[in-house]
Amino acid sequence: MKYDKYIEINPKVMVGKPVIKGTRIPVGTILNLLANGYTFEKIAKAYPPITRKQIEAALAFAAEKLNREENYNFA
């Protein structure tokens, strides 16, 4: 999925954290909600401007960033 239609990084919005485009909702917030058992529907209800496509874009963004990581130090 091409997430750039749904995710933006702008130093003037949330100090440059990745957010859902057109909102001040950080991608990290969406990921934390999913990690804590929220469904797409529950997130959309809690944050009415958010759509399923935007949630999917947040996941795609995170997956791409993590796939770029080469060194995991678990020591």
PDB file of N, CA and C in Angstrom:
ATOM      1  N   MET A   1       0.843  -1.187   0.000  1.00  0.00           N
ATOM      2  CA  MET A   1       0.000   0.000   0.000  1.00  0.00           C
ATOM      3  C   MET A   1       0.883   1.243   0.000  1.00  0.00           C
ATOM      4  N   LYS A   2       0.521   2.202  -0.807  1.00  0.00           N
ATOM      5  CA  LYS A   2       1.220   3.490  -0.790  1.00  0.00           C
ATOM      6  C   LYS A   2       0.590   4.343   0.306  1.00  0.00           C
ATOM      7  N   TYR A   3       1.348   4.572   1.347  1.00  0.00           N
ATOM      8  CA  TYR A   3       0.818   5.290   2.505  1.00  0.00           C
ATOM      9  C   TYR A   3       0.954   6.795   2.396  1.00  0.00           C
ATOM     10  N   ASP A   4       1.734   7.311   1.462  1.00  0.00           N
ATOM     11  CA  ASP A   4       1.990   8.751   1.414  1.00  0.00           C
ATOM     12  C   ASP A   4       0.743   9.585   1.150  1.00  0.00           C
ATOM     13  N   LYS A   5      -0.301   8.963   0.651  1.00  0.00           N
ATOM     14  CA  LYS A   5      -1.579   9.663   0.455  1.00  0.00           C
ATOM     15  C   LYS A   5      -2.260   9.927   1.803  1.00  0.00           C
ATOM     16  N   TYR A   6      -1.909   9.133   2.826  1.00  0.00           N
ATOM     17  CA  TYR A   6      -2.597   9.182   4.112  1.00  0.00           C
ATOM     18  C   TYR A   6      -1.733   9.629   5.290  1.00  0.00           C
ATOM     19  N   ILE A   7      -0.421   9.581   5.143  1.00  0.00           N
ATOM     20  CA  ILE A   7       0.504   9.894   6.240  1.00  0.00           C
ATOM     21  C   ILE A   7       1.349  11.094   5.846  1.00  0.00           C
ATOM     22  N   GLU A   8       1.553  12.007   6.791  1.00  0.00           N
ATOM     23  CA  GLU A   8       2.432  13.141   6.509  1.00  0.00           C
ATOM     24  C   GLU A   8       3.377  13.375   7.676  1.00  0.00           C
ATOM     25  N   ILE A   9       4.531  13.930   7.336  1.00  0.00           N
ATOM     26  CA  ILE A   9       5.509  14.341   8.330  1.00  0.00           C
ATOM     27  C   ILE A   9       5.800  15.802   8.049  1.00  0.00           C
ATOM     28  N   ASN A  10       5.417  16.644   9.000  1.00  0.00           N
ATOM     29  CA  ASN A  10       5.555  18.086   8.841  1.00  0.00           C
ATOM     30  C   ASN A  10       6.049  18.639  10.171  1.00  0.00           C
ATOM     31  N   PRO A  11       7.193  19.313  10.182  1.00  0.00           N
ATOM     32  CA  PRO A  11       7.728  19.827  11.446  1.00  0.00           C
ATOM     33  C   PRO A  11       6.780  20.790  12.168  1.00  0.00           C
ATOM     34  N   LYS A  12       5.795  21.332  11.455  1.00  0.00           N
ATOM     35  CA  LYS A  12       4.846  22.248  12.080  1.00  0.00           C
ATOM     36  C   LYS A  12       3.636  21.527  12.686  1.00  0.00           C
ATOM     37  N   VAL A  13       3.559  20.213  12.470  1.00  0.00           N
ATOM     38  CA  VAL A  13       2.444  19.421  13.008  1.00  0.00           C
ATOM     39  C   VAL A  13       3.023  18.349  13.922  1.00  0.00           C
ATOM     40  N   MET A  14       2.682  18.413  15.190  1.00  0.00           N
ATOM     41  CA  MET A  14       3.123  17.433  16.182  1.00  0.00           C
ATOM     42  C   MET A  14       4.650  17.258  16.182  1.00  0.00           C
ATOM     43  N   VAL A  15       5.350  18.352  16.005  1.00  0.00           N
ATOM     44  CA  VAL A  15       6.820  18.396  16.048  1.00  0.00           C
ATOM     45  C   VAL A  15       7.450  17.420  15.044  1.00  0.00           C
ATOM     46  N   GLY A  16       6.779  17.199  13.930  1.00  0.00           N
ATOM     47  CA  GLY A  16       7.336  16.363  12.876  1.00  0.00           C
ATOM     48  C   GLY A  16       7.079  14.874  13.021  1.00  0.00           C
ATOM     49  N   LYS A  17       6.279  14.476  14.008  1.00  0.00           N
ATOM     50  CA  LYS A  17       5.932  13.057  14.105  1.00  0.00           C
ATOM     51  C   LYS A  17       5.035  12.689  12.934  1.00  0.00           C
ATOM     52  N   PRO A  18       5.118  11.449  12.461  1.00  0.00           N
ATOM     53  CA  PRO A  18       4.194  11.039  11.399  1.00  0.00           C
ATOM     54  C   PRO A  18       2.758  11.048  11.927  1.00  0.00           C
ATOM     55  N   VAL A  19       1.873  11.677  11.162  1.00  0.00           N
ATOM     56  CA  VAL A  19       0.465  11.780  11.556  1.00  0.00           C
ATOM     57  C   VAL A  19      -0.423  11.389  10.383  1.00  0.00           C
ATOM     58  N   ILE A  20      -1.685  11.110  10.702  1.00  0.00           N
ATOM     59  CA  ILE A  20      -2.678  10.908   9.661  1.00  0.00           C
ATOM     60  C   ILE A  20      -2.889  12.263   8.986  1.00  0.00           C
ATOM     61  N   LYS A  21      -2.709  12.291   7.690  1.00  0.00           N
ATOM     62  CA  LYS A  21      -2.783  13.542   6.932  1.00  0.00           C
ATOM     63  C   LYS A  21      -4.085  14.281   7.217  1.00  0.00           C
ATOM     64  N   GLY A  22      -3.951  15.592   7.464  1.00  0.00           N
ATOM     65  CA  GLY A  22      -5.108  16.437   7.721  1.00  0.00           C
ATOM     66  C   GLY A  22      -5.586  16.398   9.167  1.00  0.00           C
ATOM     67  N   THR A  23      -4.870  15.653  10.023  1.00  0.00           N
ATOM     68  CA  THR A  23      -5.223  15.575  11.442  1.00  0.00           C
ATOM     69  C   THR A  23      -3.961  15.809  12.272  1.00  0.00           C
ATOM     70  N   ARG A  24      -4.135  15.780  13.569  1.00  0.00           N
ATOM     71  CA  ARG A  24      -2.997  15.813  14.486  1.00  0.00           C
ATOM     72  C   ARG A  24      -2.901  14.479  15.230  1.00  0.00           C
ATOM     73  N   ILE A  25      -3.392  13.426  14.594  1.00  0.00           N
ATOM     74  CA  ILE A  25      -3.392  12.099  15.208  1.00  0.00           C
ATOM     75  C   ILE A  25      -2.134  11.359  14.762  1.00  0.00           C
ATOM     76  N   PRO A  26      -1.217  11.109  15.704  1.00  0.00           N
ATOM     77  CA  PRO A  26       0.038  10.434  15.345  1.00  0.00           C
ATOM     78  C   PRO A  26      -0.166   8.973  14.938  1.00  0.00           C
ATOM     79  N   VAL A  27       0.650   8.535  14.010  1.00  0.00           N
ATOM     80  CA  VAL A  27       0.661   7.132  13.606  1.00  0.00           C
ATOM     81  C   VAL A  27       0.900   6.255  14.831  1.00  0.00           C
ATOM     82  N   GLY A  28       1.789   6.686  15.718  1.00  0.00           N
ATOM     83  CA  GLY A  28       2.084   5.923  16.926  1.00  0.00           C
ATOM     84  C   GLY A  28       0.853   5.682  17.786  1.00  0.00           C
ATOM     85  N   THR A  29      -0.034   6.634  17.844  1.00  0.00           N
ATOM     86  CA  THR A  29      -1.280   6.465  18.604  1.00  0.00           C
ATOM     87  C   THR A  29      -2.125   5.355  17.995  1.00  0.00           C
ATOM     88  N   ILE A  30      -2.234   5.353  16.693  1.00  0.00           N
ATOM     89  CA  ILE A  30      -3.000   4.304  16.001  1.00  0.00           C
ATOM     90  C   ILE A  30      -2.380   2.938  16.269  1.00  0.00           C
ATOM     91  N   LEU A  31      -1.057   2.850  16.174  1.00  0.00           N
ATOM     92  CA  LEU A  31      -0.378   1.575  16.405  1.00  0.00           C
ATOM     93  C   LEU A  31      -0.558   1.100  17.835  1.00  0.00           C
ATOM     94  N   ASN A  32      -0.469   2.009  18.789  1.00  0.00           N
ATOM     95  CA  ASN A  32      -0.673   1.639  20.192  1.00  0.00           C
ATOM     96  C   ASN A  32      -2.087   1.131  20.433  1.00  0.00           C
ATOM     97  N   LEU A  33      -3.067   1.757  19.825  1.00  0.00           N
ATOM     98  CA  LEU A  33      -4.443   1.293  19.975  1.00  0.00           C
ATOM     99  C   LEU A  33      -4.602  -0.117  19.418  1.00  0.00           C
ATOM    100  N   LEU A  34      -4.042  -0.361  18.242  1.00  0.00           N
ATOM    101  CA  LEU A  34      -4.116  -1.697  17.653  1.00  0.00           C
ATOM    102  C   LEU A  34      -3.408  -2.723  18.532  1.00  0.00           C
ATOM    103  N   ALA A  35      -2.249  -2.347  19.067  1.00  0.00           N
ATOM    104  CA  ALA A  35      -1.489  -3.248  19.937  1.00  0.00           C
ATOM    105  C   ALA A  35      -2.238  -3.571  21.223  1.00  0.00           C
ATOM    106  N   ASN A  36      -3.138  -2.695  21.607  1.00  0.00           N
ATOM    107  CA  ASN A  36      -3.910  -2.898  22.836  1.00  0.00           C
ATOM    108  C   ASN A  36      -5.308  -3.454  22.580  1.00  0.00           C
ATOM    109  N   GLY A  37      -5.486  -4.034  21.394  1.00  0.00           N
ATOM    110  CA  GLY A  37      -6.714  -4.754  21.127  1.00  0.00           C
ATOM    111  C   GLY A  37      -7.837  -3.987  20.466  1.00  0.00           C
ATOM    112  N   TYR A  38      -7.612  -2.721  20.142  1.00  0.00           N
ATOM    113  CA  TYR A  38      -8.659  -1.967  19.449  1.00  0.00           C
ATOM    114  C   TYR A  38      -8.829  -2.522  18.032  1.00  0.00           C
ATOM    115  N   THR A  39     -10.044  -2.599  17.590  1.00  0.00           N
ATOM    116  CA  THR A  39     -10.325  -2.971  16.200  1.00  0.00           C
ATOM    117  C   THR A  39     -10.293  -1.704  15.341  1.00  0.00           C
ATOM    118  N   PHE A  40     -10.270  -1.906  14.041  1.00  0.00           N
ATOM    119  CA  PHE A  40     -10.331  -0.758  13.129  1.00  0.00           C
ATOM    120  C   PHE A  40     -11.597   0.034  13.406  1.00  0.00           C
ATOM    121  N   GLU A  41     -12.686  -0.670  13.637  1.00  0.00           N
ATOM    122  CA  GLU A  41     -13.970  -0.013  13.872  1.00  0.00           C
ATOM    123  C   GLU A  41     -13.959   0.799  15.166  1.00  0.00           C
ATOM    124  N   LYS A  42     -13.345   0.251  16.207  1.00  0.00           N
ATOM    125  CA  LYS A  42     -13.289   0.954  17.488  1.00  0.00           C
ATOM    126  C   LYS A  42     -12.417   2.213  17.381  1.00  0.00           C
ATOM    127  N   ILE A  43     -11.341   2.133  16.607  1.00  0.00           N
ATOM    128  CA  ILE A  43     -10.484   3.304  16.396  1.00  0.00           C
ATOM    129  C   ILE A  43     -11.255   4.379  15.626  1.00  0.00           C
ATOM    130  N   ALA A  44     -11.954   3.964  14.585  1.00  0.00           N
ATOM    131  CA  ALA A  44     -12.734   4.917  13.783  1.00  0.00           C
ATOM    132  C   ALA A  44     -13.815   5.588  14.630  1.00  0.00           C
ATOM    133  N   LYS A  45     -14.373   4.854  15.581  1.00  0.00           N
ATOM    134  CA  LYS A  45     -15.395   5.437  16.462  1.00  0.00           C
ATOM    135  C   LYS A  45     -14.767   6.409  17.463  1.00  0.00           C
ATOM    136  N   ALA A  46     -13.581   6.071  17.963  1.00  0.00           N
ATOM    137  CA  ALA A  46     -12.890   6.937  18.928  1.00  0.00           C
ATOM    138  C   ALA A  46     -12.329   8.195  18.262  1.00  0.00           C
ATOM    139  N   TYR A  47     -11.942   8.077  16.997  1.00  0.00           N
ATOM    140  CA  TYR A  47     -11.377   9.192  16.230  1.00  0.00           C
ATOM    141  C   TYR A  47     -12.167   9.317  14.932  1.00  0.00           C
ATOM    142  N   PRO A  48     -13.324   9.965  14.971  1.00  0.00           N
ATOM    143  CA  PRO A  48     -14.221  10.009  13.809  1.00  0.00           C
ATOM    144  C   PRO A  48     -13.610  10.414  12.471  1.00  0.00           C
ATOM    145  N   PRO A  49     -12.576  11.253  12.422  1.00  0.00           N
ATOM    146  CA  PRO A  49     -12.071  11.557  11.081  1.00  0.00           C
ATOM    147  C   PRO A  49     -11.260  10.414  10.452  1.00  0.00           C
ATOM    148  N   ILE A  50     -10.921   9.381  11.227  1.00  0.00           N
ATOM    149  CA  ILE A  50     -10.063   8.303  10.739  1.00  0.00           C
ATOM    150  C   ILE A  50     -10.872   7.266   9.948  1.00  0.00           C
ATOM    151  N   THR A  51     -10.295   6.841   8.828  1.00  0.00           N
ATOM    152  CA  THR A  51     -10.923   5.809   8.001  1.00  0.00           C
ATOM    153  C   THR A  51     -10.099   4.525   8.062  1.00  0.00           C
ATOM    154  N   ARG A  52     -10.683   3.456   7.607  1.00  0.00           N
ATOM    155  CA  ARG A  52      -9.981   2.168   7.556  1.00  0.00           C
ATOM    156  C   ARG A  52      -8.711   2.292   6.707  1.00  0.00           C
ATOM    157  N   LYS A  53      -8.802   2.981   5.580  1.00  0.00           N
ATOM    158  CA  LYS A  53      -7.632   3.160   4.703  1.00  0.00           C
ATOM    159  C   LYS A  53      -6.501   3.877   5.435  1.00  0.00           C
ATOM    160  N   GLN A  54      -6.841   4.864   6.262  1.00  0.00           N
ATOM    161  CA  GLN A  54      -5.813   5.592   7.007  1.00  0.00           C
ATOM    162  C   GLN A  54      -5.157   4.692   8.054  1.00  0.00           C
ATOM    163  N   ILE A  55      -5.940   3.840   8.690  1.00  0.00           N
ATOM    164  CA  ILE A  55      -5.386   2.899   9.668  1.00  0.00           C
ATOM    165  C   ILE A  55      -4.461   1.905   8.954  1.00  0.00           C
ATOM    166  N   GLU A  56      -4.892   1.411   7.811  1.00  0.00           N
ATOM    167  CA  GLU A  56      -4.050   0.510   7.020  1.00  0.00           C
ATOM    168  C   GLU A  56      -2.763   1.206   6.589  1.00  0.00           C
ATOM    169  N   ALA A  57      -2.855   2.482   6.253  1.00  0.00           N
ATOM    170  CA  ALA A  57      -1.674   3.249   5.865  1.00  0.00           C
ATOM    171  C   ALA A  57      -0.714   3.396   7.043  1.00  0.00           C
ATOM    172  N   ALA A  58      -1.241   3.582   8.242  1.00  0.00           N
ATOM    173  CA  ALA A  58      -0.384   3.672   9.428  1.00  0.00           C
ATOM    174  C   ALA A  58       0.379   2.369   9.625  1.00  0.00           C
ATOM    175  N   LEU A  59      -0.289   1.251   9.421  1.00  0.00           N
ATOM    176  CA  LEU A  59       0.375  -0.050   9.525  1.00  0.00           C
ATOM    177  C   LEU A  59       1.431  -0.226   8.439  1.00  0.00           C
ATOM    178  N   ALA A  60       1.112   0.170   7.225  1.00  0.00           N
ATOM    179  CA  ALA A  60       2.064   0.056   6.117  1.00  0.00           C
ATOM    180  C   ALA A  60       3.283   0.938   6.367  1.00  0.00           C
ATOM    181  N   PHE A  61       3.058   2.141   6.874  1.00  0.00           N
ATOM    182  CA  PHE A  61       4.151   3.054   7.190  1.00  0.00           C
ATOM    183  C   PHE A  61       5.075   2.420   8.224  1.00  0.00           C
ATOM    184  N   ALA A  62       4.502   1.903   9.305  1.00  0.00           N
ATOM    185  CA  ALA A  62       5.298   1.291  10.368  1.00  0.00           C
ATOM    186  C   ALA A  62       6.059   0.072   9.853  1.00  0.00           C
ATOM    187  N   ALA A  63       5.399  -0.753   9.058  1.00  0.00           N
ATOM    188  CA  ALA A  63       6.049  -1.948   8.515  1.00  0.00           C
ATOM    189  C   ALA A  63       7.239  -1.573   7.642  1.00  0.00           C
ATOM    190  N   GLU A  64       7.072  -0.565   6.820  1.00  0.00           N
ATOM    191  CA  GLU A  64       8.183  -0.150   5.960  1.00  0.00           C
ATOM    192  C   GLU A  64       9.348   0.368   6.787  1.00  0.00           C
ATOM    193  N   LYS A  65       9.060   1.168   7.779  1.00  0.00           N
ATOM    194  CA  LYS A  65      10.132   1.716   8.614  1.00  0.00           C
ATOM    195  C   LYS A  65      10.853   0.608   9.364  1.00  0.00           C
ATOM    196  N   LEU A  66      10.124  -0.355   9.889  1.00  0.00           N
ATOM    197  CA  LEU A  66      10.757  -1.464  10.613  1.00  0.00           C
ATOM    198  C   LEU A  66      11.526  -2.380   9.672  1.00  0.00           C
ATOM    199  N   ASN A  67      11.053  -2.558   8.467  1.00  0.00           N
ATOM    200  CA  ASN A  67      11.768  -3.404   7.513  1.00  0.00           C
ATOM    201  C   ASN A  67      13.085  -2.788   7.084  1.00  0.00           C
ATOM    202  N   ARG A  68      13.225  -1.497   7.237  1.00  0.00           N
ATOM    203  CA  ARG A  68      14.485  -0.827   6.907  1.00  0.00           C
ATOM    204  C   ARG A  68      15.540  -1.027   7.994  1.00  0.00           C
ATOM    205  N   GLU A  69      15.104  -1.358   9.199  1.00  0.00           N
ATOM    206  CA  GLU A  69      16.036  -1.577  10.299  1.00  0.00           C
ATOM    207  C   GLU A  69      16.888  -2.800   9.990  1.00  0.00           C
ATOM    208  N   GLU A  70      18.181  -2.666  10.203  1.00  0.00           N
ATOM    209  CA  GLU A  70      19.083  -3.771   9.921  1.00  0.00           C
ATOM    210  C   GLU A  70      19.692  -4.358  11.189  1.00  0.00           C
ATOM    211  N   ASN A  71      19.728  -3.579  12.249  1.00  0.00           N
ATOM    212  CA  ASN A  71      20.432  -4.012  13.440  1.00  0.00           C
ATOM    213  C   ASN A  71      19.513  -4.004  14.628  1.00  0.00           C
ATOM    214  N   TYR A  72      19.167  -5.190  15.118  1.00  0.00           N
ATOM    215  CA  TYR A  72      18.346  -5.309  16.312  1.00  0.00           C
ATOM    216  C   TYR A  72      19.247  -5.809  17.423  1.00  0.00           C
ATOM    217  N   ASN A  73      19.449  -4.994  18.414  1.00  0.00           N
ATOM    218  CA  ASN A  73      20.309  -5.367  19.532  1.00  0.00           C
ATOM    219  C   ASN A  73      19.433  -5.691  20.729  1.00  0.00           C
ATOM    220  N   PHE A  74      19.319  -6.962  21.049  1.00  0.00           N
ATOM    221  CA  PHE A  74      18.493  -7.392  22.145  1.00  0.00           C
ATOM    222  C   PHE A  74      19.324  -7.771  23.367  1.00  0.00           C
ATOM    223  N   ALA A  75      20.570  -7.368  23.385  1.00  0.00           N
ATOM    224  CA  ALA A  75      21.455  -7.733  24.512  1.00  0.00           C
ATOM    225  C   ALA A  75      21.064  -7.053  25.794  1.00  0.00           C
TER     226      ALA A  75
END
